[in-house]
Protein backbone atom coordinates (compact mmCIF):
# COMPACT_ATOMS: atom_id res chain seq x y z
CA MET A 1 -85.13 76.87 -74.05
CA ARG A 2 -85.62 73.43 -72.56
CA SER A 3 -88.96 72.78 -74.21
CA HIS A 4 -88.13 74.39 -77.58
CA ARG A 5 -84.95 74.58 -79.57
CA CYS A 6 -83.85 78.22 -80.02
CA LEU A 7 -81.29 80.14 -82.00
CA ILE A 8 -80.12 83.27 -80.18
CA VAL A 9 -77.91 85.74 -82.05
CA LEU A 10 -76.29 88.67 -80.23
CA ASP A 11 -74.65 91.19 -82.56
CA ASP A 12 -71.99 93.70 -81.46
CA VAL A 13 -71.68 91.82 -78.18
CA GLN A 14 -68.45 93.69 -77.39
CA THR A 15 -70.55 96.75 -76.54
CA ILE A 16 -71.82 95.15 -73.32
CA PHE A 17 -68.32 94.72 -71.88
CA SER A 18 -66.33 97.40 -70.10
CA SER A 19 -63.59 98.67 -72.38
CA GLN A 20 -60.00 97.62 -71.66
CA LYS A 21 -61.14 94.80 -69.33
CA LEU A 22 -61.35 91.06 -69.69
CA ALA A 23 -64.56 89.12 -70.30
CA GLY A 24 -66.88 89.12 -67.31
CA ASN A 25 -66.65 92.87 -66.73
CA TYR A 26 -69.86 94.39 -68.02
CA GLN A 27 -70.89 97.99 -68.53
CA PRO A 28 -73.23 99.26 -65.80
CA ARG A 29 -76.57 98.51 -67.43
CA TYR A 30 -75.51 95.14 -68.89
CA GLU A 31 -74.57 93.16 -65.76
CA ASN A 32 -77.46 90.71 -66.26
CA TYR A 33 -75.75 89.35 -69.36
CA GLY A 34 -73.29 87.60 -67.04
CA THR A 35 -76.17 85.69 -65.45
CA PHE A 36 -77.61 84.95 -68.89
CA PHE A 37 -74.31 83.58 -70.23
CA LYS A 38 -73.82 81.46 -67.10
CA GLN A 39 -77.32 79.98 -67.38
CA ILE A 40 -76.75 79.15 -71.06
CA ALA A 41 -73.43 77.47 -70.27
CA GLU A 42 -74.66 75.46 -67.29
CA SER A 43 -78.14 74.37 -68.35
CA CYS A 44 -79.08 71.35 -70.47
CA HIS A 45 -80.66 72.44 -73.74
CA ASN A 46 -80.48 71.96 -77.50
CA SER A 47 -80.37 75.64 -78.37
CA CYS A 48 -77.57 77.60 -80.03
CA LEU A 49 -76.06 80.95 -79.06
CA ILE A 50 -74.09 82.94 -81.63
CA LEU A 51 -72.06 85.92 -80.46
CA ILE A 52 -70.98 88.37 -83.15
CA VAL A 53 -68.05 90.57 -82.17
CA GLY A 54 -66.51 93.45 -84.08
CA LYS A 55 -62.90 93.42 -85.21
CA ASN A 56 -59.94 93.93 -82.87
CA GLN A 57 -61.67 92.73 -79.71
CA GLU A 58 -58.73 90.77 -78.30
CA LYS A 59 -59.75 91.47 -74.69
CA LEU A 60 -62.87 89.27 -74.91
CA GLN A 61 -60.89 86.05 -74.49
CA HIS A 62 -61.89 83.93 -71.50
């Protein structure tokens, strides 16, 4: 991502989170997404990340 500009689109992202819990609580096989999101947020790059979430996902607020 540092050497090339990327567009990353994650659809139905709400499915990786544990239901009825706030953001940062991932379902058992999706824990690595937390590391991924942290690396995207903290690294210097010119890429874009688009998260597509289904309706009524109020619990995903940070």
